[in-house]
Amino acid sequence: MKLPATLAQKVKRGSEGERVLLTPEDKKLLKALTGYSVPCLCGGGKKRRAYLKEAYRLIDRYEV
């Protein structure tokens, strides 16, 4: 599976703490990559930031 370059950039920025807007298509691709859905932004987005860090680690490791 090849992720669009813009999504990889969004995940990288989001993992660094920046707030990024994920489209429904982005969320589907990330769910396919990680195996579970993207958390919501409730609670200041801590879970979402951790999720994006994990997704970025997977993208970096497997060069998706």
Foldseek 3Di string as FASTA:
>chain_A
DDDDPVLLVQLVCLLVPDDDDADPVSQVVLCVQPVHGADDCPPNNPSNSVSSVVSNVSCVVVVD
